[in-house]
Amino acid sequence: MERLILATFNVNSIRTRLPLVLAWLEANRPDVLCLQETKVDDGRFPKEAFREAGYHVVCRGERQYNGVATLSLREPLFVSAGFSDGGPADEDRFLRTDFPGLMVLNTYVPQGRDTASPHFRYKLEWFGRFRRYLEGHLDPKEAIVWCGDLNVAREAIDVHDPKRLLGHVDFNPEVWEAYDGVVRWGFQDCFRLHHPGEEGQFTFFDYRVPRAVERRLGWRVDHILATETAARRCRRCWIDMGPRLGEKPSDHTVLAAEFTWEGA
């Protein structure tokens, strides 16, 4: 039985955040790091820098928008990106990588912009598409981790001011219903498994809010969820504030989880 560390981080531009990510990898040496909002096409993704650090790189992105990447110490057995349901493929929002005994689903869920916007409807439908993907391709009895910037704060304790923020595209009953539809397929929130009811634990702090980190004015919208087979092996899950406090930080920070694993 070995230790496996998996982490997720919305970098808000990988080229801008490259020194920060490399430093975190060197200090923490996770087995898998899932990145979102890389904002770069595949040809310009800094693959060589990560390879020199000892990581395999799988990425899907486009210039300036979206983008997902999965870095791993071990080479994936299988990789796929996006949907094949006849709608937009969204390869830059959904990346699947299979490893021995573990499947990782790295997602950057649409933010939604405004509840009156078509983008919000698209967000709701995106969760529906993801649920249908799970139903059509996977089995909840498998060891699966779903992680990333899911753009959902599910509980009142996941935002700093739930009364004022209720109705926001990330803290909204319609979004909760869509998100819960995916969770019911067979996922558990790894962070809440280890921190039930704990307040003030956030992964996102808006640049536009003065001294947001110091004032703890944040949101928990980045998540690591696991099927029962994987969740029962999750030994801890934590938010690392170091990257958010570093030089040229993303507006998000790292969420990580430790699992015990056979054949990790």
C-alpha atoms as a PDB file:
ATOM      1  CA  MET A   1       0.000   0.000   0.000  1.00  0.00           C
ATOM      2  CA  GLU A   2       1.505   3.294  -1.114  1.00  0.00           C
ATOM      3  CA  ARG A   3       0.707   6.964  -0.721  1.00  0.00           C
ATOM      4  CA  LEU A   4      -0.793   8.862  -3.646  1.00  0.00           C
ATOM      5  CA  ILE A   5      -1.161  12.642  -3.638  1.00  0.00           C
ATOM      6  CA  LEU A   6      -3.601  14.228  -6.086  1.00  0.00           C
ATOM      7  CA  ALA A   7      -4.110  17.983  -6.348  1.00  0.00           C
ATOM      8  CA  THR A   8      -6.130  20.446  -8.401  1.00  0.00           C
ATOM      9  CA  PHE A   9      -5.326  24.069  -9.219  1.00  0.00           C
ATOM     10  CA  ASN A  10      -7.000  26.678 -11.418  1.00  0.00           C
ATOM     11  CA  VAL A  11      -3.882  28.526 -12.535  1.00  0.00           C
ATOM     12  CA  ASN A  12      -5.577  31.329 -14.504  1.00  0.00           C
ATOM     13  CA  SER A  13      -2.882  31.162 -17.243  1.00  0.00           C
ATOM     14  CA  ILE A  14      -0.194  28.497 -17.010  1.00  0.00           C
ATOM     15  CA  ARG A  15       2.441  30.607 -18.725  1.00  0.00           C
ATOM     16  CA  THR A  16       1.988  33.379 -16.188  1.00  0.00           C
ATOM     17  CA  ARG A  17       1.904  30.941 -13.292  1.00  0.00           C
ATOM     18  CA  LEU A  18       4.624  28.543 -14.498  1.00  0.00           C
ATOM     19  CA  PRO A  19       7.272  29.431 -11.853  1.00  0.00           C
ATOM     20  CA  LEU A  20       4.650  29.144  -9.122  1.00  0.00           C
ATOM     21  CA  VAL A  21       3.465  25.721 -10.296  1.00  0.00           C
ATOM     22  CA  LEU A  22       6.983  24.365 -10.754  1.00  0.00           C
ATOM     23  CA  ALA A  23       7.947  25.512  -7.260  1.00  0.00           C
ATOM     24  CA  TRP A  24       4.863  23.833  -5.796  1.00  0.00           C
ATOM     25  CA  LEU A  25       5.614  20.604  -7.647  1.00  0.00           C
ATOM     26  CA  GLU A  26       9.180  20.581  -6.374  1.00  0.00           C
ATOM     27  CA  ALA A  27       8.101  21.213  -2.793  1.00  0.00           C
ATOM     28  CA  ASN A  28       5.189  18.751  -2.728  1.00  0.00           C
ATOM     29  CA  ARG A  29       5.866  16.174  -5.435  1.00  0.00           C
ATOM     30  CA  PRO A  30       2.235  15.124  -6.026  1.00  0.00           C
ATOM     31  CA  ASP A  31       1.558  12.036  -8.094  1.00  0.00           C
ATOM     32  CA  VAL A  32      -1.103  13.871 -10.100  1.00  0.00           C
ATOM     33  CA  LEU A  33      -1.750  17.595 -10.527  1.00  0.00           C
ATOM     34  CA  CYS A  34      -4.838  18.707 -12.443  1.00  0.00           C
ATOM     35  CA  LEU A  35      -4.768  22.242 -13.853  1.00  0.00           C
ATOM     36  CA  GLN A  36      -7.610  24.369 -15.161  1.00  0.00           C
ATOM     37  CA  GLU A  37      -7.914  27.647 -17.056  1.00  0.00           C
ATOM     38  CA  THR A  38      -4.511  27.160 -18.617  1.00  0.00           C
ATOM     39  CA  LYS A  39      -5.363  29.709 -21.345  1.00  0.00           C
ATOM     40  CA  VAL A  40      -2.964  28.382 -23.950  1.00  0.00           C
ATOM     41  CA  ASP A  41      -3.199  26.198 -27.043  1.00  0.00           C
ATOM     42  CA  ASP A  42      -1.550  22.795 -26.897  1.00  0.00           C
ATOM     43  CA  GLY A  43       1.394  23.817 -29.058  1.00  0.00           C
ATOM     44  CA  ARG A  44       2.392  26.545 -26.615  1.00  0.00           C
ATOM     45  CA  PHE A  45       1.784  24.670 -23.398  1.00  0.00           C
ATOM     46  CA  PRO A  46       5.120  24.550 -21.470  1.00  0.00           C
ATOM     47  CA  LYS A  47       5.375  20.757 -21.647  1.00  0.00           C
ATOM     48  CA  GLU A  48       9.159  20.619 -21.619  1.00  0.00           C
ATOM     49  CA  ALA A  49       9.407  22.478 -18.306  1.00  0.00           C
ATOM     50  CA  PHE A  50       7.176  19.885 -16.672  1.00  0.00           C
ATOM     51  CA  ARG A  51       8.928  16.974 -18.345  1.00  0.00           C
ATOM     52  CA  GLU A  52      12.215  18.246 -16.957  1.00  0.00           C
ATOM     53  CA  ALA A  53      10.534  18.241 -13.550  1.00  0.00           C
ATOM     54  CA  GLY A  54       9.697  14.558 -14.033  1.00  0.00           C
ATOM     55  CA  TYR A  55       6.051  14.789 -15.092  1.00  0.00           C
ATOM     56  CA  HIS A  56       4.077  13.392 -17.990  1.00  0.00           C
ATOM     57  CA  VAL A  57       1.818  16.024 -19.548  1.00  0.00           C
ATOM     58  CA  VAL A  58      -1.627  15.708 -21.097  1.00  0.00           C
ATOM     59  CA  CYS A  59      -3.297  18.967 -22.102  1.00  0.00           C
ATOM     60  CA  ARG A  60      -6.165  20.386 -24.106  1.00  0.00           C
ATOM     61  CA  GLY A  61      -6.496  24.115 -24.550  1.00  0.00           C
ATOM     62  CA  GLU A  62      -6.979  27.107 -26.746  1.00  0.00           C
ATOM     63  CA  ARG A  63      -5.505  30.561 -26.832  1.00  0.00           C
ATOM     64  CA  GLN A  64      -6.648  32.875 -24.010  1.00  0.00           C
ATOM     65  CA  TYR A  65      -9.606  30.791 -22.813  1.00  0.00           C
ATOM     66  CA  ASN A  66     -10.382  27.680 -20.778  1.00  0.00           C
ATOM     67  CA  GLY A  67      -7.864  24.835 -20.941  1.00  0.00           C
ATOM     68  CA  VAL A  68      -7.183  21.759 -18.806  1.00  0.00           C
ATOM     69  CA  ALA A  69      -4.007  19.784 -18.205  1.00  0.00           C
ATOM     70  CA  THR A  70      -3.107  16.756 -16.115  1.00  0.00           C
ATOM     71  CA  LEU A  71       0.462  16.249 -14.928  1.00  0.00           C
ATOM     72  CA  SER A  72       1.482  12.868 -13.543  1.00  0.00           C
ATOM     73  CA  LEU A  73       4.572  11.073 -12.337  1.00  0.00           C
ATOM     74  CA  ARG A  74       3.347   7.945 -14.106  1.00  0.00           C
ATOM     75  CA  GLU A  75       2.352   7.816 -17.730  1.00  0.00           C
ATOM     76  CA  PRO A  76      -1.431   7.420 -18.166  1.00  0.00           C
ATOM     77  CA  LEU A  77      -2.738   4.152 -19.496  1.00  0.00           C
ATOM     78  CA  PHE A  78      -5.566   5.892 -21.342  1.00  0.00           C
ATOM     79  CA  VAL A  79      -6.457   9.481 -22.204  1.00  0.00           C
ATOM     80  CA  SER A  80      -9.588  11.056 -23.619  1.00  0.00           C
ATOM     81  CA  ALA A  81     -10.861  14.599 -23.838  1.00  0.00           C
ATOM     82  CA  GLY A  82     -14.302  16.137 -24.068  1.00  0.00           C
ATOM     83  CA  PHE A  83     -17.697  14.766 -24.979  1.00  0.00           C
ATOM     84  CA  SER A  84     -18.866  12.801 -28.003  1.00  0.00           C
ATOM     85  CA  ASP A  85     -22.602  13.349 -27.567  1.00  0.00           C
ATOM     86  CA  GLY A  86     -23.182  15.552 -30.605  1.00  0.00           C
ATOM     87  CA  GLY A  87     -22.865  18.827 -28.696  1.00  0.00           C
ATOM     88  CA  PRO A  88     -19.742  20.969 -28.340  1.00  0.00           C
ATOM     89  CA  ALA A  89     -16.837  18.629 -27.600  1.00  0.00           C
ATOM     90  CA  ASP A  90     -15.439  20.926 -24.886  1.00  0.00           C
ATOM     91  CA  GLU A  91     -12.104  19.137 -24.913  1.00  0.00           C
ATOM     92  CA  ASP A  92     -10.615  22.177 -23.165  1.00  0.00           C
ATOM     93  CA  ARG A  93     -12.967  21.599 -20.206  1.00  0.00           C
ATOM     94  CA  PHE A  94     -12.880  17.853 -19.623  1.00  0.00           C
ATOM     95  CA  LEU A  95      -9.846  15.607 -19.567  1.00  0.00           C
ATOM     96  CA  ARG A  96      -9.873  11.963 -18.504  1.00  0.00           C
ATOM     97  CA  THR A  97      -6.677  10.110 -17.585  1.00  0.00           C
ATOM     98  CA  ASP A  98      -6.578   6.487 -16.429  1.00  0.00           C
ATOM     99  CA  PHE A  99      -3.818   5.116 -14.205  1.00  0.00           C
ATOM    100  CA  PRO A 100      -3.361   1.684 -12.626  1.00  0.00           C
ATOM    101  CA  GLY A 101      -6.259   1.375 -10.200  1.00  0.00           C
ATOM    102  CA  LEU A 102      -7.430   4.976 -10.558  1.00  0.00           C
ATOM    103  CA  MET A 103      -9.287   7.138 -13.063  1.00  0.00           C
ATOM    104  CA  VAL A 104      -8.999  10.934 -12.878  1.00  0.00           C
ATOM    105  CA  LEU A 105     -11.609  13.257 -14.380  1.00  0.00           C
ATOM    106  CA  ASN A 106     -10.226  16.792 -14.592  1.00  0.00           C
ATOM    107  CA  THR A 107     -12.911  19.393 -15.350  1.00  0.00           C
ATOM    108  CA  TYR A 108     -13.247  23.129 -15.735  1.00  0.00           C
ATOM    109  CA  VAL A 109     -16.996  23.637 -15.497  1.00  0.00           C
ATOM    110  CA  PRO A 110     -18.424  26.738 -17.251  1.00  0.00           C
ATOM    111  CA  GLN A 111     -18.824  29.653 -14.854  1.00  0.00           C
ATOM    112  CA  GLY A 112     -22.123  30.851 -16.289  1.00  0.00           C
ATOM    113  CA  ARG A 113     -21.488  34.627 -16.274  1.00  0.00           C
ATOM    114  CA  ASP A 114     -25.029  35.721 -15.349  1.00  0.00           C
ATOM    115  CA  THR A 115     -28.237  33.850 -14.551  1.00  0.00           C
ATOM    116  CA  ALA A 116     -30.009  35.675 -17.405  1.00  0.00           C
ATOM    117  CA  SER A 117     -27.298  34.646 -19.863  1.00  0.00           C
ATOM    118  CA  PRO A 118     -27.326  31.668 -22.248  1.00  0.00           C
ATOM    119  CA  HIS A 119     -23.989  30.812 -20.647  1.00  0.00           C
ATOM    120  CA  PHE A 120     -25.809  29.977 -17.426  1.00  0.00           C
ATOM    121  CA  ARG A 121     -28.147  27.591 -19.216  1.00  0.00           C
ATOM    122  CA  TYR A 122     -25.100  26.042 -20.845  1.00  0.00           C
ATOM    123  CA  LYS A 123     -23.539  25.538 -17.420  1.00  0.00           C
ATOM    124  CA  LEU A 124     -26.596  23.693 -16.160  1.00  0.00           C
ATOM    125  CA  GLU A 125     -26.703  21.513 -19.252  1.00  0.00           C
ATOM    126  CA  TRP A 126     -22.956  20.852 -18.925  1.00  0.00           C
ATOM    127  CA  PHE A 127     -23.559  19.076 -15.642  1.00  0.00           C
ATOM    128  CA  GLY A 128     -26.280  17.070 -17.344  1.00  0.00           C
ATOM    129  CA  ARG A 129     -23.944  16.079 -20.148  1.00  0.00           C
ATOM    130  CA  PHE A 130     -21.292  15.073 -17.658  1.00  0.00           C
ATOM    131  CA  ARG A 131     -23.782  12.909 -15.769  1.00  0.00           C
ATOM    132  CA  ARG A 132     -24.792  11.201 -19.007  1.00  0.00           C
ATOM    133  CA  TYR A 133     -21.121  10.617 -19.842  1.00  0.00           C
ATOM    134  CA  LEU A 134     -20.669   8.890 -16.500  1.00  0.00           C
ATOM    135  CA  GLU A 135     -23.754   6.760 -17.043  1.00  0.00           C
ATOM    136  CA  GLY A 136     -22.685   5.760 -20.536  1.00  0.00           C
ATOM    137  CA  HIS A 137     -18.991   5.112 -19.998  1.00  0.00           C
ATOM    138  CA  LEU A 138     -18.149   4.436 -16.346  1.00  0.00           C
ATOM    139  CA  ASP A 139     -19.177   2.441 -13.301  1.00  0.00           C
ATOM    140  CA  PRO A 140     -19.492   4.074  -9.838  1.00  0.00           C
ATOM    141  CA  LYS A 141     -17.946   0.913  -8.367  1.00  0.00           C
ATOM    142  CA  GLU A 142     -14.648   1.877 -10.032  1.00  0.00           C
ATOM    143  CA  ALA A 143     -12.045   3.996  -8.268  1.00  0.00           C
ATOM    144  CA  ILE A 144     -12.682   7.408  -9.814  1.00  0.00           C
ATOM    145  CA  VAL A 145     -11.700  10.910  -8.725  1.00  0.00           C
ATOM    146  CA  TRP A 146     -13.522  13.905 -10.207  1.00  0.00           C
ATOM    147  CA  CYS A 147     -11.757  17.183  -9.554  1.00  0.00           C
ATOM    148  CA  GLY A 148     -11.212  20.702 -10.781  1.00  0.00           C
ATOM    149  CA  ASP A 149     -12.753  24.132 -10.750  1.00  0.00           C
ATOM    150  CA  LEU A 150     -16.395  23.091 -10.683  1.00  0.00           C
ATOM    151  CA  ASN A 151     -17.714  26.644 -10.224  1.00  0.00           C
ATOM    152  CA  VAL A 152     -20.084  25.487  -7.490  1.00  0.00           C
ATOM    153  CA  ALA A 153     -20.141  26.494  -3.835  1.00  0.00           C
ATOM    154  CA  ARG A 154     -22.563  23.878  -2.558  1.00  0.00           C
ATOM    155  CA  GLU A 155     -23.089  24.863   1.086  1.00  0.00           C
ATOM    156  CA  ALA A 156     -23.569  28.130   2.948  1.00  0.00           C
ATOM    157  CA  ILE A 157     -20.209  27.562   4.654  1.00  0.00           C
ATOM    158  CA  ASP A 158     -18.560  27.451   1.216  1.00  0.00           C
ATOM    159  CA  VAL A 159     -18.941  31.205   0.721  1.00  0.00           C
ATOM    160  CA  HIS A 160     -18.038  34.100   2.970  1.00  0.00           C
ATOM    161  CA  ASP A 161     -21.435  35.833   2.799  1.00  0.00           C
ATOM    162  CA  PRO A 162     -24.188  33.345   1.900  1.00  0.00           C
ATOM    163  CA  LYS A 163     -27.098  35.746   2.351  1.00  0.00           C
ATOM    164  CA  ARG A 164     -25.699  38.366   0.015  1.00  0.00           C
ATOM    165  CA  LEU A 165     -24.278  35.924  -2.525  1.00  0.00           C
ATOM    166  CA  LEU A 166     -27.317  33.665  -2.858  1.00  0.00           C
ATOM    167  CA  GLY A 167     -28.393  33.637  -6.496  1.00  0.00           C
ATOM    168  CA  HIS A 168     -24.884  34.092  -7.898  1.00  0.00           C
ATOM    169  CA  VAL A 169     -24.100  31.712 -10.768  1.00  0.00           C
ATOM    170  CA  ASP A 170     -21.805  29.697  -8.462  1.00  0.00           C
ATOM    171  CA  PHE A 171     -24.126  29.760  -5.435  1.00  0.00           C
ATOM    172  CA  ASN A 172     -27.530  29.116  -6.841  1.00  0.00           C
ATOM    173  CA  PRO A 173     -30.277  26.516  -6.263  1.00  0.00           C
ATOM    174  CA  GLU A 174     -30.414  25.639  -9.969  1.00  0.00           C
ATOM    175  CA  VAL A 175     -26.687  24.985  -9.992  1.00  0.00           C
ATOM    176  CA  TRP A 176     -26.927  22.949  -6.792  1.00  0.00           C
ATOM    177  CA  GLU A 177     -29.587  20.757  -8.384  1.00  0.00           C
ATOM    178  CA  ALA A 178     -27.494  20.204 -11.519  1.00  0.00           C
ATOM    179  CA  TYR A 179     -24.349  19.516  -9.500  1.00  0.00           C
ATOM    180  CA  ASP A 180     -26.176  17.181  -7.116  1.00  0.00           C
ATOM    181  CA  GLY A 181     -27.370  15.205 -10.110  1.00  0.00           C
ATOM    182  CA  VAL A 182     -23.745  14.347 -10.843  1.00  0.00           C
ATOM    183  CA  VAL A 183     -22.822  13.726  -7.219  1.00  0.00           C
ATOM    184  CA  ARG A 184     -25.706  11.274  -6.815  1.00  0.00           C
ATOM    185  CA  TRP A 185     -24.175   9.107  -9.522  1.00  0.00           C
ATOM    186  CA  GLY A 186     -21.702   8.052  -6.855  1.00  0.00           C
ATOM    187  CA  PHE A 187     -19.344  10.783  -5.619  1.00  0.00           C
ATOM    188  CA  GLN A 188     -18.314  11.996  -2.179  1.00  0.00           C
ATOM    189  CA  ASP A 189     -16.704  15.354  -1.369  1.00  0.00           C
ATOM    190  CA  CYS A 190     -13.240  14.457  -0.064  1.00  0.00           C
ATOM    191  CA  PHE A 191     -12.742  17.783   1.670  1.00  0.00           C
ATOM    192  CA  ARG A 192     -16.001  17.506   3.608  1.00  0.00           C
ATOM    193  CA  LEU A 193     -15.186  13.917   4.546  1.00  0.00           C
ATOM    194  CA  HIS A 194     -12.321  15.305   6.608  1.00  0.00           C
ATOM    195  CA  HIS A 195     -13.650  18.784   7.454  1.00  0.00           C
ATOM    196  CA  PRO A 196     -17.396  18.395   8.066  1.00  0.00           C
ATOM    197  CA  GLY A 197     -19.045  21.693   8.914  1.00  0.00           C
ATOM    198  CA  GLU A 198     -15.761  23.597   9.009  1.00  0.00           C
ATOM    199  CA  GLU A 199     -16.248  27.246   8.048  1.00  0.00           C
ATOM    200  CA  GLY A 200     -13.893  29.698   6.392  1.00  0.00           C
ATOM    201  CA  GLN A 201     -12.225  27.154   4.115  1.00  0.00           C
ATOM    202  CA  PHE A 202     -11.953  28.643   0.624  1.00  0.00           C
ATOM    203  CA  THR A 203     -10.067  27.993  -2.620  1.00  0.00           C
ATOM    204  CA  PHE A 204     -10.918  31.169  -4.557  1.00  0.00           C
ATOM    205  CA  PHE A 205     -10.346  34.801  -3.586  1.00  0.00           C
ATOM    206  CA  ASP A 206     -11.437  37.422  -6.119  1.00  0.00           C
ATOM    207  CA  TYR A 207      -8.679  39.771  -7.274  1.00  0.00           C
ATOM    208  CA  ARG A 208     -11.215  42.607  -7.321  1.00  0.00           C
ATOM    209  CA  VAL A 209     -11.928  42.374  -3.597  1.00  0.00           C
ATOM    210  CA  PRO A 210      -9.379  44.381  -1.577  1.00  0.00           C
ATOM    211  CA  ARG A 211      -7.335  42.174   0.773  1.00  0.00           C
ATOM    212  CA  ALA A 212      -9.678  39.256   0.070  1.00  0.00           C
ATOM    213  CA  VAL A 213      -7.311  36.628   1.479  1.00  0.00           C
ATOM    214  CA  GLU A 214      -6.509  38.530   4.654  1.00  0.00           C
ATOM    215  CA  ARG A 215     -10.206  39.227   5.235  1.00  0.00           C
ATOM    216  CA  ARG A 216     -11.171  35.627   4.383  1.00  0.00           C
ATOM    217  CA  LEU A 217     -13.594  36.774   1.693  1.00  0.00           C
ATOM    218  CA  GLY A 218     -13.503  33.647  -0.404  1.00  0.00           C
ATOM    219  CA  TRP A 219     -15.377  30.782  -2.034  1.00  0.00           C
ATOM    220  CA  ARG A 220     -14.848  27.012  -2.099  1.00  0.00           C
ATOM    221  CA  VAL A 221     -15.510  26.241  -5.756  1.00  0.00           C
ATOM    222  CA  ASP A 222     -12.608  23.865  -6.421  1.00  0.00           C
ATOM    223  CA  HIS A 223     -13.290  20.291  -5.423  1.00  0.00           C
ATOM    224  CA  ILE A 224     -11.939  16.759  -5.232  1.00  0.00           C
ATOM    225  CA  LEU A 225     -14.709  14.154  -5.232  1.00  0.00           C
ATOM    226  CA  ALA A 226     -14.343  10.401  -5.235  1.00  0.00           C
ATOM    227  CA  THR A 227     -16.406   7.291  -5.715  1.00  0.00           C
ATOM    228  CA  GLU A 228     -16.780   5.060  -2.661  1.00  0.00           C
ATOM    229  CA  THR A 229     -13.920   2.817  -3.739  1.00  0.00           C
ATOM    230  CA  ALA A 230     -11.572   5.804  -3.838  1.00  0.00           C
ATOM    231  CA  ALA A 231     -13.107   7.819  -1.000  1.00  0.00           C
ATOM    232  CA  ARG A 232     -12.540   5.120   1.590  1.00  0.00           C
ATOM    233  CA  ARG A 233      -8.831   5.365   0.799  1.00  0.00           C
ATOM    234  CA  CYS A 234      -8.716   9.144   1.199  1.00  0.00           C
ATOM    235  CA  ARG A 235      -6.670   9.841   4.325  1.00  0.00           C
ATOM    236  CA  ARG A 236      -6.735  13.631   4.253  1.00  0.00           C
ATOM    237  CA  CYS A 237      -7.750  16.569   2.089  1.00  0.00           C
ATOM    238  CA  TRP A 238      -6.513  20.111   2.522  1.00  0.00           C
ATOM    239  CA  ILE A 239      -6.314  23.584   1.014  1.00  0.00           C
ATOM    240  CA  ASP A 240      -2.784  24.910   0.531  1.00  0.00           C
ATOM    241  CA  MET A 241      -2.868  28.706   0.739  1.00  0.00           C
ATOM    242  CA  GLY A 242       0.788  29.049  -0.187  1.00  0.00           C
ATOM    243  CA  PRO A 243       0.241  29.506  -3.953  1.00  0.00           C
ATOM    244  CA  ARG A 244      -2.404  32.191  -3.366  1.00  0.00           C
ATOM    245  CA  LEU A 245       0.035  34.112  -1.166  1.00  0.00           C
ATOM    246  CA  GLY A 246       2.948  33.742  -3.554  1.00  0.00           C
ATOM    247  CA  GLU A 247       4.306  36.105  -6.177  1.00  0.00           C
ATOM    248  CA  LYS A 248       1.963  36.685  -9.136  1.00  0.00           C
ATOM    249  CA  PRO A 249      -0.691  34.340  -7.730  1.00  0.00           C
ATOM    250  CA  SER A 250      -3.753  32.918  -9.391  1.00  0.00           C
ATOM    251  CA  ASP A 251      -7.071  33.969  -7.877  1.00  0.00           C
ATOM    252  CA  HIS A 252      -7.459  30.290  -6.889  1.00  0.00           C
ATOM    253  CA  THR A 253      -5.203  28.125  -4.774  1.00  0.00           C
ATOM    254  CA  VAL A 254      -4.330  24.433  -4.538  1.00  0.00           C
ATOM    255  CA  LEU A 255      -6.648  21.768  -3.162  1.00  0.00           C
ATOM    256  CA  ALA A 256      -4.971  18.418  -2.467  1.00  0.00           C
ATOM    257  CA  ALA A 257      -5.866  14.975  -1.170  1.00  0.00           C
ATOM    258  CA  GLU A 258      -3.848  11.994  -0.012  1.00  0.00           C
ATOM    259  CA  PHE A 259      -4.943   8.449  -0.744  1.00  0.00           C
ATOM    260  CA  THR A 260      -3.505   5.069   0.115  1.00  0.00           C
ATOM    261  CA  TRP A 261      -3.270   2.969  -3.013  1.00  0.00           C
ATOM    262  CA  GLU A 262      -2.326  -0.457  -4.203  1.00  0.00           C
ATOM    263  CA  GLY A 263      -0.057  -0.215  -7.191  1.00  0.00           C
ATOM    264  CA  ALA A 264       0.117   3.587  -6.986  1.00  0.00           C
END
